[in-house]
Amino acid sequence: MTDNKPLNFFAFAHSLGYTKDHDIMNKDNERLYLPFMVNRNFSQHMDTILYANEMNQRPHLSKQMQFDYYFYSVRKRKRYGKWPKKVTEENLELVQGAYNCSMQKALDILRILSEPDIQKLKDFVYEGGNSKK
């Protein structure tokens, strides 16, 4: 790879799945190769999910061996996948703090609470302070 761009796992996934550039995996770049993230990338596509499953079952393999497996197994093709985004709810932290629960439990509780219930919860948790009007 002749570019001076910093490498990340997207560069490795792109090299493995589309450009088929084997030179990207050298001794200097081997430490930048993240097997978990590359496996996760290939697990999002129907044609490569079984390859990702094979690598997930063999975490003891070296980074070079995992790279070579993908390099010689995966067909050259453009793959577009959407990475899941973190769930953000407006009152999630409020419910987590009030009920001292996990994010998943707080999401379940938020589905049950009505708008007046949330307002009561805000009033109950409100700690006061100087208001700037």
Protein backbone atom coordinates (compact mmCIF):
# COMPACT_ATOMS: atom_id res chain seq x y z
CA MET A 1 0.00 0.00 0.00
CA THR A 2 1.62 3.23 -1.13
CA ASP A 3 -0.74 5.70 0.55
CA ASN A 4 0.40 7.44 3.69
CA LYS A 5 -3.05 7.20 5.23
CA PRO A 6 -3.20 5.67 8.71
CA LEU A 7 -4.39 2.08 8.64
CA ASN A 8 -7.41 0.85 10.52
CA PHE A 9 -9.42 -2.32 10.32
CA PHE A 10 -11.53 -0.86 7.50
CA ALA A 11 -8.38 -0.77 5.36
CA PHE A 12 -7.71 -4.42 6.11
CA ALA A 13 -11.33 -5.41 5.43
CA HIS A 14 -11.28 -3.46 2.15
CA SER A 15 -8.01 -5.08 1.17
CA LEU A 16 -9.29 -8.56 1.99
CA GLY A 17 -12.68 -8.17 0.36
CA TYR A 18 -12.11 -5.93 -2.63
CA THR A 19 -8.60 -4.82 -3.60
CA LYS A 20 -6.88 -8.09 -2.66
CA ASP A 21 -3.71 -6.25 -1.65
CA HIS A 22 -1.62 -8.78 0.27
CA ASP A 23 1.17 -6.25 0.89
CA ILE A 24 -0.93 -4.41 3.47
CA MET A 25 -0.17 -7.15 6.01
CA ASN A 26 3.50 -6.70 6.83
CA LYS A 27 5.40 -6.79 10.12
CA ASP A 28 4.77 -3.07 10.78
CA ASN A 29 1.03 -3.26 10.13
CA GLU A 30 0.38 -6.61 11.78
CA ARG A 31 -0.17 -4.96 15.16
CA LEU A 32 -2.94 -2.80 13.62
CA TYR A 33 -4.89 -5.83 12.38
CA LEU A 34 -7.86 -6.43 14.73
CA PRO A 35 -9.22 -9.94 14.13
CA PHE A 36 -12.40 -9.30 16.13
CA MET A 37 -13.33 -6.25 14.07
CA VAL A 38 -12.48 -7.88 10.73
CA ASN A 39 -14.56 -10.92 11.73
CA ARG A 40 -17.40 -8.64 12.70
CA ASN A 41 -17.16 -6.86 9.36
CA PHE A 42 -17.35 -10.10 7.37
CA SER A 43 -20.16 -11.46 9.55
CA GLN A 44 -22.46 -8.73 8.17
CA HIS A 45 -22.55 -10.16 4.65
CA MET A 46 -24.34 -13.26 3.45
CA ASP A 47 -21.47 -14.49 1.30
CA THR A 48 -18.80 -14.16 4.01
CA ILE A 49 -20.63 -14.98 7.24
CA LEU A 50 -19.45 -18.60 7.24
CA TYR A 51 -15.84 -17.50 6.81
CA ALA A 52 -16.24 -15.16 9.79
CA ASN A 53 -17.74 -18.00 11.81
CA GLU A 54 -14.72 -20.18 11.04
CA MET A 55 -12.35 -17.47 12.28
CA ASN A 56 -14.46 -16.87 15.39
CA GLN A 57 -14.01 -20.56 16.23
CA ARG A 58 -10.24 -20.26 15.87
CA PRO A 59 -9.09 -17.25 17.90
CA HIS A 60 -5.77 -18.96 18.65
CA LEU A 61 -4.55 -18.51 15.05
CA SER A 62 -2.01 -15.80 14.43
CA LYS A 63 -3.07 -12.54 12.79
CA GLN A 64 -1.14 -13.45 9.65
CA MET A 65 -2.90 -16.82 9.41
CA GLN A 66 -6.33 -15.21 9.83
CA PHE A 67 -5.47 -12.59 7.23
CA ASP A 68 -4.30 -15.27 4.79
CA TYR A 69 -7.46 -17.32 5.34
CA TYR A 70 -9.66 -14.38 4.40
CA PHE A 71 -7.36 -13.33 1.59
CA TYR A 72 -7.52 -16.69 -0.18
CA SER A 73 -11.12 -17.59 0.74
CA VAL A 74 -13.19 -14.46 0.20
CA ARG A 75 -14.07 -13.53 -3.37
CA LYS A 76 -13.27 -10.07 -4.63
CA ARG A 77 -16.43 -7.98 -4.38
CA LYS A 78 -17.62 -4.61 -3.11
CA ARG A 79 -19.54 -5.10 0.13
CA TYR A 80 -21.56 -2.41 1.81
CA GLY A 81 -22.74 -2.94 5.33
CA LYS A 82 -24.18 -0.68 7.96
CA TRP A 83 -22.59 -0.79 11.36
CA PRO A 84 -25.07 -0.73 14.24
CA LYS A 85 -25.27 2.58 16.04
CA LYS A 86 -25.48 3.04 19.76
CA VAL A 87 -29.05 3.35 21.04
CA THR A 88 -29.76 6.81 22.37
CA GLU A 89 -32.95 7.60 24.20
CA GLU A 90 -33.78 10.98 25.61
CA ASN A 91 -34.60 9.83 29.15
CA LEU A 92 -32.45 6.71 29.31
CA GLU A 93 -29.96 8.07 31.85
CA LEU A 94 -32.82 9.39 33.98
CA VAL A 95 -34.43 5.94 34.21
CA GLN A 96 -31.07 4.22 34.75
CA GLY A 97 -30.26 6.56 37.63
CA ALA A 98 -33.70 6.42 39.22
CA TYR A 99 -34.09 2.65 39.10
CA ASN A 100 -30.37 1.75 39.27
CA CYS A 101 -30.63 -0.64 36.34
CA SER A 102 -28.84 -1.59 33.12
CA MET A 103 -29.38 0.10 29.78
CA GLN A 104 -31.50 -2.78 28.44
CA LYS A 105 -33.75 -2.78 31.52
CA ALA A 106 -34.04 1.01 31.30
CA LEU A 107 -35.16 0.71 27.66
CA ASP A 108 -37.82 -1.80 28.73
CA ILE A 109 -38.99 0.54 31.49
CA LEU A 110 -39.12 3.50 29.09
CA ARG A 111 -41.50 1.59 26.82
CA ILE A 112 -43.90 1.23 29.76
CA LEU A 113 -43.72 4.75 31.14
CA SER A 114 -46.08 7.43 29.87
CA GLU A 115 -45.10 11.09 29.44
CA PRO A 116 -46.68 12.13 32.80
CA ASP A 117 -44.81 9.28 34.51
CA ILE A 118 -41.53 10.50 33.05
CA GLN A 119 -42.28 14.05 34.22
CA LYS A 120 -42.99 12.77 37.75
CA LEU A 121 -39.72 10.88 37.65
CA LYS A 122 -37.88 14.05 36.57
CA ASP A 123 -39.46 15.97 39.45
CA PHE A 124 -38.55 13.20 41.91
CA VAL A 125 -34.92 13.00 40.78
CA TYR A 126 -34.43 16.79 40.44
CA GLU A 127 -31.69 17.82 42.87
CA GLY A 128 -32.18 21.57 42.72
CA GLY A 129 -29.59 24.25 42.28
CA ASN A 130 -29.33 27.79 41.00
CA SER A 131 -31.38 28.46 37.93
CA LYS A 132 -30.03 30.94 35.43
CA LYS A 133 -32.93 32.97 34.16
